[in-house]
Amino acid sequence: MGKAKKEPDVVRYADMFSAMGTESRLRIMRLLLAAHPEGMIAGDIGAELDIPASTLSHHLDKLKNEELVKVRRESTFLRYSANTDVLGELLGFLYAECCTRNKAIEPQTIVQLCR
């Protein structure tokens, strides 16, 4: 049997899941989604989640490198926001496999979870 060919999107999505694969980063993503579309200043994220600045910077860089968050400078502050376009792609990738092709999970179940 030959080695399975890597699909570029699968590799990209795996990297995104890996970037969110710590408790702190997942908490950051949830907080930024709750603050959408305005986002939050880095210091406020750290204060809300009780994450020291140096550690927070590392987590935000990981998320930014995978395009899961966007950042913009406001004076001397950095404002972070969830990149909902990329998150939508990631959810669409999962949804396509689990809910459309073989209906491992009924689409209506997912929609009900989102209400």
PDB file of N, CA and C in Angstrom:
ATOM      1  N   MET A   1       0.837  -1.179   0.000  1.00  0.00           N
ATOM      2  CA  MET A   1       0.000   0.000   0.000  1.00  0.00           C
ATOM      3  C   MET A   1       0.888   1.250   0.000  1.00  0.00           C
ATOM      4  N   GLY A   2       0.491   2.215  -0.802  1.00  0.00           N
ATOM      5  CA  GLY A   2       1.249   3.461  -0.897  1.00  0.00           C
ATOM      6  C   GLY A   2       0.929   4.383   0.256  1.00  0.00           C
ATOM      7  N   LYS A   3       1.789   5.336   0.431  1.00  0.00           N
ATOM      8  CA  LYS A   3       1.605   6.336   1.473  1.00  0.00           C
ATOM      9  C   LYS A   3       0.493   7.304   1.049  1.00  0.00           C
ATOM     10  N   ALA A   4      -0.399   7.647   1.950  1.00  0.00           N
ATOM     11  CA  ALA A   4      -1.498   8.557   1.627  1.00  0.00           C
ATOM     12  C   ALA A   4      -0.945   9.932   1.275  1.00  0.00           C
ATOM     13  N   LYS A   5      -1.474  10.480   0.206  1.00  0.00           N
ATOM     14  CA  LYS A   5      -1.056  11.812  -0.232  1.00  0.00           C
ATOM     15  C   LYS A   5      -1.631  12.859   0.719  1.00  0.00           C
ATOM     16  N   LYS A   6      -0.806  13.817   1.119  1.00  0.00           N
ATOM     17  CA  LYS A   6      -1.264  14.877   2.013  1.00  0.00           C
ATOM     18  C   LYS A   6      -2.051  15.901   1.208  1.00  0.00           C
ATOM     19  N   GLU A   7      -3.219  16.223   1.694  1.00  0.00           N
ATOM     20  CA  GLU A   7      -4.026  17.257   1.076  1.00  0.00           C
ATOM     21  C   GLU A   7      -3.660  18.584   1.727  1.00  0.00           C
ATOM     22  N   PRO A   8      -3.349  19.615   0.913  1.00  0.00           N
ATOM     23  CA  PRO A   8      -2.926  20.900   1.492  1.00  0.00           C
ATOM     24  C   PRO A   8      -3.908  21.465   2.508  1.00  0.00           C
ATOM     25  N   ASP A   9      -5.202  21.402   2.222  1.00  0.00           N
ATOM     26  CA  ASP A   9      -6.177  21.946   3.170  1.00  0.00           C
ATOM     27  C   ASP A   9      -6.172  21.175   4.477  1.00  0.00           C
ATOM     28  N   VAL A  10      -6.004  19.865   4.402  1.00  0.00           N
ATOM     29  CA  VAL A  10      -5.998  19.052   5.622  1.00  0.00           C
ATOM     30  C   VAL A  10      -4.807  19.430   6.492  1.00  0.00           C
ATOM     31  N   VAL A  11      -3.661  19.632   5.882  1.00  0.00           N
ATOM     32  CA  VAL A  11      -2.468  20.041   6.629  1.00  0.00           C
ATOM     33  C   VAL A  11      -2.706  21.403   7.284  1.00  0.00           C
ATOM     34  N   ARG A  12      -3.267  22.333   6.521  1.00  0.00           N
ATOM     35  CA  ARG A  12      -3.539  23.677   7.044  1.00  0.00           C
ATOM     36  C   ARG A  12      -4.524  23.605   8.218  1.00  0.00           C
ATOM     37  N   TYR A  13      -5.598  22.854   8.050  1.00  0.00           N
ATOM     38  CA  TYR A  13      -6.592  22.752   9.118  1.00  0.00           C
ATOM     39  C   TYR A  13      -6.029  22.041  10.344  1.00  0.00           C
ATOM     40  N   ALA A  14      -5.200  21.051  10.132  1.00  0.00           N
ATOM     41  CA  ALA A  14      -4.560  20.364  11.260  1.00  0.00           C
ATOM     42  C   ALA A  14      -3.703  21.344  12.052  1.00  0.00           C
ATOM     43  N   ASP A  15      -2.990  22.210  11.347  1.00  0.00           N
ATOM     44  CA  ASP A  15      -2.179  23.225  12.025  1.00  0.00           C
ATOM     45  C   ASP A  15      -3.052  24.188  12.829  1.00  0.00           C
ATOM     46  N   MET A  16      -4.220  24.513  12.282  1.00  0.00           N
ATOM     47  CA  MET A  16      -5.136  25.406  13.008  1.00  0.00           C
ATOM     48  C   MET A  16      -5.649  24.736  14.278  1.00  0.00           C
ATOM     49  N   PHE A  17      -6.061  23.479  14.151  1.00  0.00           N
ATOM     50  CA  PHE A  17      -6.525  22.762  15.347  1.00  0.00           C
ATOM     51  C   PHE A  17      -5.412  22.655  16.375  1.00  0.00           C
ATOM     52  N   SER A  18      -4.196  22.413  15.906  1.00  0.00           N
ATOM     53  CA  SER A  18      -3.056  22.327  16.812  1.00  0.00           C
ATOM     54  C   SER A  18      -2.850  23.650  17.551  1.00  0.00           C
ATOM     55  N   ALA A  19      -2.992  24.757  16.822  1.00  0.00           N
ATOM     56  CA  ALA A  19      -2.805  26.075  17.438  1.00  0.00           C
ATOM     57  C   ALA A  19      -3.852  26.335  18.519  1.00  0.00           C
ATOM     58  N   MET A  20      -5.045  25.788  18.354  1.00  0.00           N
ATOM     59  CA  MET A  20      -6.096  25.977  19.357  1.00  0.00           C
ATOM     60  C   MET A  20      -6.081  24.871  20.406  1.00  0.00           C
ATOM     61  N   GLY A  21      -5.103  23.974  20.319  1.00  0.00           N
ATOM     62  CA  GLY A  21      -5.097  22.762  21.124  1.00  0.00           C
ATOM     63  C   GLY A  21      -4.593  22.890  22.540  1.00  0.00           C
ATOM     64  N   THR A  22      -4.601  24.079  23.099  1.00  0.00           N
ATOM     65  CA  THR A  22      -4.305  24.227  24.519  1.00  0.00           C
ATOM     66  C   THR A  22      -5.495  24.918  25.176  1.00  0.00           C
ATOM     67  N   GLU A  23      -5.642  24.687  26.456  1.00  0.00           N
ATOM     68  CA  GLU A  23      -6.762  25.294  27.171  1.00  0.00           C
ATOM     69  C   GLU A  23      -6.736  26.818  27.047  1.00  0.00           C
ATOM     70  N   SER A  24      -5.565  27.410  27.234  1.00  0.00           N
ATOM     71  CA  SER A  24      -5.471  28.875  27.190  1.00  0.00           C
ATOM     72  C   SER A  24      -5.862  29.430  25.829  1.00  0.00           C
ATOM     73  N   ARG A  25      -5.371  28.818  24.762  1.00  0.00           N
ATOM     74  CA  ARG A  25      -5.676  29.332  23.424  1.00  0.00           C
ATOM     75  C   ARG A  25      -7.133  29.126  23.057  1.00  0.00           C
ATOM     76  N   LEU A  26      -7.700  28.039  23.503  1.00  0.00           N
ATOM     77  CA  LEU A  26      -9.121  27.815  23.244  1.00  0.00           C
ATOM     78  C   LEU A  26      -9.965  28.839  24.012  1.00  0.00           C
ATOM     79  N   ARG A  27      -9.548  29.150  25.231  1.00  0.00           N
ATOM     80  CA  ARG A  27     -10.236  30.181  26.018  1.00  0.00           C
ATOM     81  C   ARG A  27     -10.109  31.553  25.349  1.00  0.00           C
ATOM     82  N   ILE A  28      -8.931  31.845  24.792  1.00  0.00           N
ATOM     83  CA  ILE A  28      -8.722  33.108  24.079  1.00  0.00           C
ATOM     84  C   ILE A  28      -9.658  33.184  22.879  1.00  0.00           C
ATOM     85  N   MET A  29      -9.757  32.100  22.118  1.00  0.00           N
ATOM     86  CA  MET A  29     -10.628  32.090  20.941  1.00  0.00           C
ATOM     87  C   MET A  29     -12.082  32.308  21.339  1.00  0.00           C
ATOM     88  N   ARG A  30     -12.525  31.646  22.389  1.00  0.00           N
ATOM     89  CA  ARG A  30     -13.918  31.824  22.839  1.00  0.00           C
ATOM     90  C   ARG A  30     -14.166  33.264  23.275  1.00  0.00           C
ATOM     91  N   LEU A  31     -13.210  33.841  23.989  1.00  0.00           N
ATOM     92  CA  LEU A  31     -13.355  35.223  24.444  1.00  0.00           C
ATOM     93  C   LEU A  31     -13.419  36.179  23.257  1.00  0.00           C
ATOM     94  N   LEU A  32     -12.552  35.969  22.270  1.00  0.00           N
ATOM     95  CA  LEU A  32     -12.548  36.846  21.093  1.00  0.00           C
ATOM     96  C   LEU A  32     -13.816  36.678  20.258  1.00  0.00           C
ATOM     97  N   LEU A  33     -14.340  35.477  20.204  1.00  0.00           N
ATOM     98  CA  LEU A  33     -15.611  35.287  19.507  1.00  0.00           C
ATOM     99  C   LEU A  33     -16.742  36.004  20.242  1.00  0.00           C
ATOM    100  N   ALA A  34     -16.712  35.971  21.567  1.00  0.00           N
ATOM    101  CA  ALA A  34     -17.721  36.676  22.357  1.00  0.00           C
ATOM    102  C   ALA A  34     -17.606  38.189  22.164  1.00  0.00           C
ATOM    103  N   ALA A  35     -16.405  38.679  21.878  1.00  0.00           N
ATOM    104  CA  ALA A  35     -16.161  40.112  21.705  1.00  0.00           C
ATOM    105  C   ALA A  35     -16.254  40.543  20.235  1.00  0.00           C
ATOM    106  N   HIS A  36     -16.689  39.653  19.377  1.00  0.00           N
ATOM    107  CA  HIS A  36     -16.771  39.940  17.943  1.00  0.00           C
ATOM    108  C   HIS A  36     -17.863  40.968  17.674  1.00  0.00           C
ATOM    109  N   PRO A  37     -17.696  41.931  16.785  1.00  0.00           N
ATOM    110  CA  PRO A  37     -16.568  42.104  15.885  1.00  0.00           C
ATOM    111  C   PRO A  37     -15.487  43.046  16.416  1.00  0.00           C
ATOM    112  N   GLU A  38     -15.732  43.696  17.554  1.00  0.00           N
ATOM    113  CA  GLU A  38     -14.774  44.695  18.048  1.00  0.00           C
ATOM    114  C   GLU A  38     -13.435  44.097  18.438  1.00  0.00           C
ATOM    115  N   GLY A  39     -13.455  42.887  18.983  1.00  0.00           N
ATOM    116  CA  GLY A  39     -12.227  42.298  19.484  1.00  0.00           C
ATOM    117  C   GLY A  39     -11.855  42.901  20.824  1.00  0.00           C
ATOM    118  N   MET A  40     -10.632  42.637  21.239  1.00  0.00           N
ATOM    119  CA  MET A  40     -10.175  43.111  22.546  1.00  0.00           C
ATOM    120  C   MET A  40      -8.706  43.499  22.493  1.00  0.00           C
ATOM    121  N   ILE A  41      -8.345  44.411  23.343  1.00  0.00           N
ATOM    122  CA  ILE A  41      -6.946  44.799  23.501  1.00  0.00           C
ATOM    123  C   ILE A  41      -6.246  43.690  24.280  1.00  0.00           C
ATOM    124  N   ALA A  42      -5.009  43.417  23.906  1.00  0.00           N
ATOM    125  CA  ALA A  42      -4.258  42.304  24.497  1.00  0.00           C
ATOM    126  C   ALA A  42      -4.289  42.325  26.024  1.00  0.00           C
ATOM    127  N   GLY A  43      -4.060  43.477  26.623  1.00  0.00           N
ATOM    128  CA  GLY A  43      -4.047  43.564  28.088  1.00  0.00           C
ATOM    129  C   GLY A  43      -5.369  43.163  28.714  1.00  0.00           C
ATOM    130  N   ASP A  44      -6.465  43.491  28.037  1.00  0.00           N
ATOM    131  CA  ASP A  44      -7.787  43.116  28.549  1.00  0.00           C
ATOM    132  C   ASP A  44      -8.016  41.606  28.445  1.00  0.00           C
ATOM    133  N   ILE A  45      -7.493  41.008  27.383  1.00  0.00           N
ATOM    134  CA  ILE A  45      -7.589  39.548  27.240  1.00  0.00           C
ATOM    135  C   ILE A  45      -6.857  38.881  28.401  1.00  0.00           C
ATOM    136  N   GLY A  46      -5.626  39.344  28.643  1.00  0.00           N
ATOM    137  CA  GLY A  46      -4.819  38.777  29.728  1.00  0.00           C
ATOM    138  C   GLY A  46      -5.472  38.938  31.081  1.00  0.00           C
ATOM    139  N   ALA A  47      -6.055  40.120  31.314  1.00  0.00           N
ATOM    140  CA  ALA A  47      -6.712  40.373  32.599  1.00  0.00           C
ATOM    141  C   ALA A  47      -7.952  39.494  32.759  1.00  0.00           C
ATOM    142  N   GLU A  48      -8.725  39.386  31.716  1.00  0.00           N
ATOM    143  CA  GLU A  48      -9.961  38.593  31.768  1.00  0.00           C
ATOM    144  C   GLU A  48      -9.676  37.113  32.023  1.00  0.00           C
ATOM    145  N   LEU A  49      -8.607  36.610  31.399  1.00  0.00           N
ATOM    146  CA  LEU A  49      -8.301  35.179  31.500  1.00  0.00           C
ATOM    147  C   LEU A  49      -7.195  34.861  32.499  1.00  0.00           C
ATOM    148  N   ASP A  50      -6.667  35.902  33.162  1.00  0.00           N
ATOM    149  CA  ASP A  50      -5.594  35.734  34.141  1.00  0.00           C
ATOM    150  C   ASP A  50      -4.380  35.032  33.530  1.00  0.00           C
ATOM    151  N   ILE A  51      -3.937  35.579  32.377  1.00  0.00           N
ATOM    152  CA  ILE A  51      -2.755  35.056  31.682  1.00  0.00           C
ATOM    153  C   ILE A  51      -1.693  36.154  31.693  1.00  0.00           C
ATOM    154  N   PRO A  52      -0.485  35.882  32.186  1.00  0.00           N
ATOM    155  CA  PRO A  52       0.584  36.884  32.190  1.00  0.00           C
ATOM    156  C   PRO A  52       0.902  37.367  30.773  1.00  0.00           C
ATOM    157  N   ALA A  53       1.330  38.608  30.651  1.00  0.00           N
ATOM    158  CA  ALA A  53       1.558  39.238  29.346  1.00  0.00           C
ATOM    159  C   ALA A  53       2.494  38.442  28.443  1.00  0.00           C
ATOM    160  N   SER A  54       3.605  37.946  28.989  1.00  0.00           N
ATOM    161  CA  SER A  54       4.561  37.223  28.147  1.00  0.00           C
ATOM    162  C   SER A  54       3.968  35.918  27.612  1.00  0.00           C
ATOM    163  N   THR A  55       3.217  35.236  28.455  1.00  0.00           N
ATOM    164  CA  THR A  55       2.570  33.993  28.040  1.00  0.00           C
ATOM    165  C   THR A  55       1.464  34.289  27.039  1.00  0.00           C
ATOM    166  N   LEU A  56       0.695  35.342  27.292  1.00  0.00           N
ATOM    167  CA  LEU A  56      -0.384  35.731  26.387  1.00  0.00           C
ATOM    168  C   LEU A  56       0.167  36.057  25.008  1.00  0.00           C
ATOM    169  N   SER A  57       1.263  36.776  24.964  1.00  0.00           N
ATOM    170  CA  SER A  57       1.889  37.133  23.694  1.00  0.00           C
ATOM    171  C   SER A  57       2.234  35.884  22.881  1.00  0.00           C
ATOM    172  N   HIS A  58       2.780  34.889  23.544  1.00  0.00           N
ATOM    173  CA  HIS A  58       3.121  33.625  22.889  1.00  0.00           C
ATOM    174  C   HIS A  58       1.862  32.960  22.313  1.00  0.00           C
ATOM    175  N   HIS A  59       0.793  32.896  23.104  1.00  0.00           N
ATOM    176  CA  HIS A  59      -0.453  32.274  22.655  1.00  0.00           C
ATOM    177  C   HIS A  59      -1.053  33.038  21.475  1.00  0.00           C
ATOM    178  N   LEU A  60      -1.085  34.366  21.573  1.00  0.00           N
ATOM    179  CA  LEU A  60      -1.664  35.170  20.497  1.00  0.00           C
ATOM    180  C   LEU A  60      -0.847  35.044  19.212  1.00  0.00           C
ATOM    181  N   ASP A  61       0.473  34.958  19.333  1.00  0.00           N
ATOM    182  CA  ASP A  61       1.319  34.759  18.143  1.00  0.00           C
ATOM    183  C   ASP A  61       1.005  33.437  17.458  1.00  0.00           C
ATOM    184  N   LYS A  62       0.824  32.386  18.243  1.00  0.00           N
ATOM    185  CA  LYS A  62       0.480  31.072  17.679  1.00  0.00           C
ATOM    186  C   LYS A  62      -0.826  31.151  16.899  1.00  0.00           C
ATOM    187  N   LEU A  63      -1.819  31.789  17.493  1.00  0.00           N
ATOM    188  CA  LEU A  63      -3.122  31.910  16.843  1.00  0.00           C
ATOM    189  C   LEU A  63      -3.047  32.804  15.601  1.00  0.00           C
ATOM    190  N   LYS A  64      -2.253  33.857  15.697  1.00  0.00           N
ATOM    191  CA  LYS A  64      -2.097  34.775  14.561  1.00  0.00           C
ATOM    192  C   LYS A  64      -1.365  34.092  13.413  1.00  0.00           C
ATOM    193  N   ASN A  65      -0.354  33.297  13.728  1.00  0.00           N
ATOM    194  CA  ASN A  65       0.413  32.603  12.687  1.00  0.00           C
ATOM    195  C   ASN A  65      -0.452  31.649  11.869  1.00  0.00           C
ATOM    196  N   GLU A  66      -1.504  31.125  12.470  1.00  0.00           N
ATOM    197  CA  GLU A  66      -2.421  30.233  11.753  1.00  0.00           C
ATOM    198  C   GLU A  66      -3.631  30.991  11.205  1.00  0.00           C
ATOM    199  N   GLU A  67      -3.576  32.325  11.302  1.00  0.00           N
ATOM    200  CA  GLU A  67      -4.623  33.214  10.788  1.00  0.00           C
ATOM    201  C   GLU A  67      -5.964  33.060  11.510  1.00  0.00           C
ATOM    202  N   LEU A  68      -5.932  32.527  12.717  1.00  0.00           N
ATOM    203  CA  LEU A  68      -7.158  32.370  13.500  1.00  0.00           C
ATOM    204  C   LEU A  68      -7.580  33.675  14.158  1.00  0.00           C
ATOM    205  N   VAL A  69      -6.618  34.562  14.378  1.00  0.00           N
ATOM    206  CA  VAL A  69      -6.922  35.885  14.916  1.00  0.00           C
ATOM    207  C   VAL A  69      -6.279  36.940  14.023  1.00  0.00           C
ATOM    208  N   LYS A  70      -6.895  38.105  14.052  1.00  0.00           N
ATOM    209  CA  LYS A  70      -6.346  39.269  13.346  1.00  0.00           C
ATOM    210  C   LYS A  70      -5.897  40.259  14.413  1.00  0.00           C
ATOM    211  N   VAL A  71      -4.928  41.068  14.069  1.00  0.00           N
ATOM    212  CA  VAL A  71      -4.429  42.061  15.015  1.00  0.00           C
ATOM    213  C   VAL A  71      -4.288  43.396  14.299  1.00  0.00           C
ATOM    214  N   ARG A  72      -4.612  44.458  15.026  1.00  0.00           N
ATOM    215  CA  ARG A  72      -4.379  45.793  14.488  1.00  0.00           C
ATOM    216  C   ARG A  72      -3.886  46.693  15.616  1.00  0.00           C
ATOM    217  N   ARG A  73      -3.024  47.613  15.251  1.00  0.00           N
ATOM    218  CA  ARG A  73      -2.451  48.531  16.232  1.00  0.00           C
ATOM    219  C   ARG A  73      -3.405  49.704  16.441  1.00  0.00           C
ATOM    220  N   GLU A  74      -3.629  50.039  17.692  1.00  0.00           N
ATOM    221  CA  GLU A  74      -4.394  51.230  18.072  1.00  0.00           C
ATOM    222  C   GLU A  74      -3.534  52.008  19.045  1.00  0.00           C
ATOM    223  N   SER A  75      -2.898  53.040  18.538  1.00  0.00           N
ATOM    224  CA  SER A  75      -1.986  53.834  19.360  1.00  0.00           C
ATOM    225  C   SER A  75      -0.883  52.916  19.895  1.00  0.00           C
ATOM    226  N   THR A  76      -0.818  52.753  21.200  1.00  0.00           N
ATOM    227  CA  THR A  76       0.222  51.889  21.769  1.00  0.00           C
ATOM    228  C   THR A  76      -0.310  50.493  22.097  1.00  0.00           C
ATOM    229  N   PHE A  77      -1.548  50.206  21.723  1.00  0.00           N
ATOM    230  CA  PHE A  77      -2.181  48.929  22.051  1.00  0.00           C
ATOM    231  C   PHE A  77      -2.321  48.050  20.811  1.00  0.00           C
ATOM    232  N   LEU A  78      -2.401  46.746  21.036  1.00  0.00           N
ATOM    233  CA  LEU A  78      -2.716  45.804  19.968  1.00  0.00           C
ATOM    234  C   LEU A  78      -4.105  45.251  20.245  1.00  0.00           C
ATOM    235  N   ARG A  79      -4.985  45.372  19.244  1.00  0.00           N
ATOM    236  CA  ARG A  79      -6.351  44.867  19.374  1.00  0.00           C
ATOM    237  C   ARG A  79      -6.458  43.587  18.548  1.00  0.00           C
ATOM    238  N   TYR A  80      -6.912  42.529  19.201  1.00  0.00           N
ATOM    239  CA  TYR A  80      -7.057  41.222  18.555  1.00  0.00           C
ATOM    240  C   TYR A  80      -8.531  40.918  18.339  1.00  0.00           C
ATOM    241  N   SER A  81      -8.808  40.256  17.237  1.00  0.00           N
ATOM    242  CA  SER A  81     -10.172  39.807  16.963  1.00  0.00           C
ATOM    243  C   SER A  81     -10.117  38.433  16.305  1.00  0.00           C
ATOM    244  N   ALA A  82     -11.187  37.681  16.479  1.00  0.00           N
ATOM    245  CA  ALA A  82     -11.274  36.362  15.849  1.00  0.00           C
ATOM    246  C   ALA A  82     -11.406  36.557  14.343  1.00  0.00           C
ATOM    247  N   ASN A  83     -10.699  35.751  13.587  1.00  0.00           N
ATOM    248  CA  ASN A  83     -10.804  35.786  12.130  1.00  0.00           C
ATOM    249  C   ASN A  83     -11.938  34.837  11.735  1.00  0.00           C
ATOM    250  N   THR A  84     -13.141  35.380  11.689  1.00  0.00           N
ATOM    251  CA  THR A  84     -14.318  34.545  11.464  1.00  0.00           C
ATOM    252  C   THR A  84     -14.346  33.930  10.068  1.00  0.00           C
ATOM    253  N   ASP A  85     -13.696  34.545   9.099  1.00  0.00           N
ATOM    254  CA  ASP A  85     -13.640  33.945   7.760  1.00  0.00           C
ATOM    255  C   ASP A  85     -12.887  32.618   7.806  1.00  0.00           C
ATOM    256  N   VAL A  86     -11.741  32.621   8.469  1.00  0.00           N
ATOM    257  CA  VAL A  86     -10.930  31.407   8.565  1.00  0.00           C
ATOM    258  C   VAL A  86     -11.617  30.372   9.454  1.00  0.00           C
ATOM    259  N   LEU A  87     -12.218  30.812  10.549  1.00  0.00           N
ATOM    260  CA  LEU A  87     -12.941  29.876  11.409  1.00  0.00           C
ATOM    261  C   LEU A  87     -14.112  29.245  10.651  1.00  0.00           C
ATOM    262  N   GLY A  88     -14.762  30.029   9.806  1.00  0.00           N
ATOM    263  CA  GLY A  88     -15.839  29.500   8.981  1.00  0.00           C
ATOM    264  C   GLY A  88     -15.349  28.420   8.034  1.00  0.00           C
ATOM    265  N   GLU A  89     -14.170  28.631   7.450  1.00  0.00           N
ATOM    266  CA  GLU A  89     -13.561  27.610   6.582  1.00  0.00           C
ATOM    267  C   GLU A  89     -13.310  26.324   7.361  1.00  0.00           C
ATOM    268  N   LEU A  90     -12.769  26.481   8.554  1.00  0.00           N
ATOM    269  CA  LEU A  90     -12.438  25.331   9.393  1.00  0.00           C
ATOM    270  C   LEU A  90     -13.705  24.549   9.774  1.00  0.00           C
ATOM    271  N   LEU A  91     -14.739  25.257  10.178  1.00  0.00           N
ATOM    272  CA  LEU A  91     -15.998  24.603  10.516  1.00  0.00           C
ATOM    273  C   LEU A  91     -16.628  23.965   9.281  1.00  0.00           C
ATOM    274  N   GLY A  92     -16.516  24.635   8.145  1.00  0.00           N
ATOM    275  CA  GLY A  92     -17.044  24.075   6.900  1.00  0.00           C
ATOM    276  C   GLY A  92     -16.348  22.783   6.521  1.00  0.00           C
ATOM    277  N   PHE A  93     -15.049  22.723   6.771  1.00  0.00           N
ATOM    278  CA  PHE A  93     -14.275  21.505   6.498  1.00  0.00           C
ATOM    279  C   PHE A  93     -14.827  20.341   7.322  1.00  0.00           C
ATOM    280  N   LEU A  94     -15.031  20.571   8.612  1.00  0.00           N
ATOM    281  CA  LEU A  94     -15.584  19.522   9.479  1.00  0.00           C
ATOM    282  C   LEU A  94     -17.016  19.180   9.082  1.00  0.00           C
ATOM    283  N   TYR A  95     -17.798  20.199   8.823  1.00  0.00           N
ATOM    284  CA  TYR A  95     -19.198  20.009   8.490  1.00  0.00           C
ATOM    285  C   TYR A  95     -19.356  19.181   7.215  1.00  0.00           C
ATOM    286  N   ALA A  96     -18.526  19.448   6.231  1.00  0.00           N
ATOM    287  CA  ALA A  96     -18.623  18.735   4.956  1.00  0.00           C
ATOM    288  C   ALA A  96     -18.440  17.236   5.144  1.00  0.00           C
ATOM    289  N   GLU A  97     -17.534  16.855   6.014  1.00  0.00           N
ATOM    290  CA  GLU A  97     -17.286  15.430   6.231  1.00  0.00           C
ATOM    291  C   GLU A  97     -18.322  14.782   7.134  1.00  0.00           C
ATOM    292  N   CYS A  98     -18.665  15.453   8.207  1.00  0.00           N
ATOM    293  CA  CYS A  98     -19.515  14.793   9.209  1.00  0.00           C
ATOM    294  C   CYS A  98     -20.997  14.907   8.917  1.00  0.00           C
ATOM    295  N   CYS A  99     -21.388  15.898   8.183  1.00  0.00           N
ATOM    296  CA  CYS A  99     -22.816  16.188   8.113  1.00  0.00           C
ATOM    297  C   CYS A  99     -23.404  16.177   6.704  1.00  0.00           C
ATOM    298  N   THR A 100     -22.584  16.078   5.677  1.00  0.00           N
ATOM    299  CA  THR A 100     -23.144  16.106   4.335  1.00  0.00           C
ATOM    300  C   THR A 100     -22.888  14.813   3.581  1.00  0.00           C
ATOM    301  N   ARG A 101     -21.635  14.377   3.557  1.00  0.00           N
ATOM    302  CA  ARG A 101     -21.312  13.208   2.758  1.00  0.00           C
ATOM    303  C   ARG A 101     -21.956  11.935   3.290  1.00  0.00           C
ATOM    304  N   ASN A 102     -21.736  11.644   4.560  1.00  0.00           N
ATOM    305  CA  ASN A 102     -22.286  10.393   5.079  1.00  0.00           C
ATOM    306  C   ASN A 102     -23.238  10.595   6.256  1.00  0.00           C
ATOM    307  N   LYS A 103     -23.484  11.843   6.607  1.00  0.00           N
ATOM    308  CA  LYS A 103     -24.413  12.181   7.689  1.00  0.00           C
ATOM    309  C   LYS A 103     -24.108  11.446   8.995  1.00  0.00           C
ATOM    310  N   ALA A 104     -22.831  11.381   9.355  1.00  0.00           N
ATOM    311  CA  ALA A 104     -22.440  10.796  10.632  1.00  0.00           C
ATOM    312  C   ALA A 104     -23.141  11.540  11.772  1.00  0.00           C
ATOM    313  N   ILE A 105     -23.314  12.831  11.567  1.00  0.00           N
ATOM    314  CA  ILE A 105     -24.086  13.660  12.494  1.00  0.00           C
ATOM    315  C   ILE A 105     -25.119  14.387  11.639  1.00  0.00           C
ATOM    316  N   GLU A 106     -26.348  14.344  12.039  1.00  0.00           N
ATOM    317  CA  GLU A 106     -27.392  15.011  11.262  1.00  0.00           C
ATOM    318  C   GLU A 106     -27.163  16.529  11.273  1.00  0.00           C
ATOM    319  N   PRO A 107     -27.233  17.176  10.118  1.00  0.00           N
ATOM    320  CA  PRO A 107     -27.013  18.634  10.054  1.00  0.00           C
ATOM    321  C   PRO A 107     -27.878  19.409  11.040  1.00  0.00           C
ATOM    322  N   GLN A 108     -29.100  18.992  11.234  1.00  0.00           N
ATOM    323  CA  GLN A 108     -30.002  19.716  12.150  1.00  0.00           C
ATOM    324  C   GLN A 108     -29.477  19.704  13.582  1.00  0.00           C
ATOM    325  N   THR A 109     -28.763  18.647  13.961  1.00  0.00           N
ATOM    326  CA  THR A 109     -28.176  18.560  15.302  1.00  0.00           C
ATOM    327  C   THR A 109     -27.170  19.690  15.505  1.00  0.00           C
ATOM    328  N   ILE A 110     -26.349  19.932  14.497  1.00  0.00           N
ATOM    329  CA  ILE A 110     -25.342  21.003  14.573  1.00  0.00           C
ATOM    330  C   ILE A 110     -26.018  22.363  14.645  1.00  0.00           C
ATOM    331  N   VAL A 111     -27.015  22.568  13.810  1.00  0.00           N
ATOM    332  CA  VAL A 111     -27.732  23.854  13.801  1.00  0.00           C
ATOM    333  C   VAL A 111     -28.360  24.109  15.159  1.00  0.00           C
ATOM    334  N   GLN A 112     -28.947  23.092  15.775  1.00  0.00           N
ATOM    335  CA  GLN A 112     -29.569  23.263  17.091  1.00  0.00           C
ATOM    336  C   GLN A 112     -28.534  23.615  18.156  1.00  0.00           C
ATOM    337  N   LEU A 113     -27.319  23.099  18.049  1.00  0.00           N
ATOM    338  CA  LEU A 113     -26.263  23.416  19.016  1.00  0.00           C
ATOM    339  C   LEU A 113     -25.884  24.890  18.951  1.00  0.00           C
ATOM    340  N   CYS A 114     -26.057  25.503  17.800  1.00  0.00           N
ATOM    341  CA  CYS A 114     -25.630  26.883  17.586  1.00  0.00           C
ATOM    342  C   CYS A 114     -26.668  27.905  18.030  1.00  0.00           C
ATOM    343  N   ARG A 115     -27.801  27.451  18.487  1.00  0.00           N
ATOM    344  CA  ARG A 115     -28.863  28.394  18.907  1.00  0.00           C
ATOM    345  C   ARG A 115     -28.723  28.782  20.344  1.00  0.00           C
TER     346      ARG A 115
END
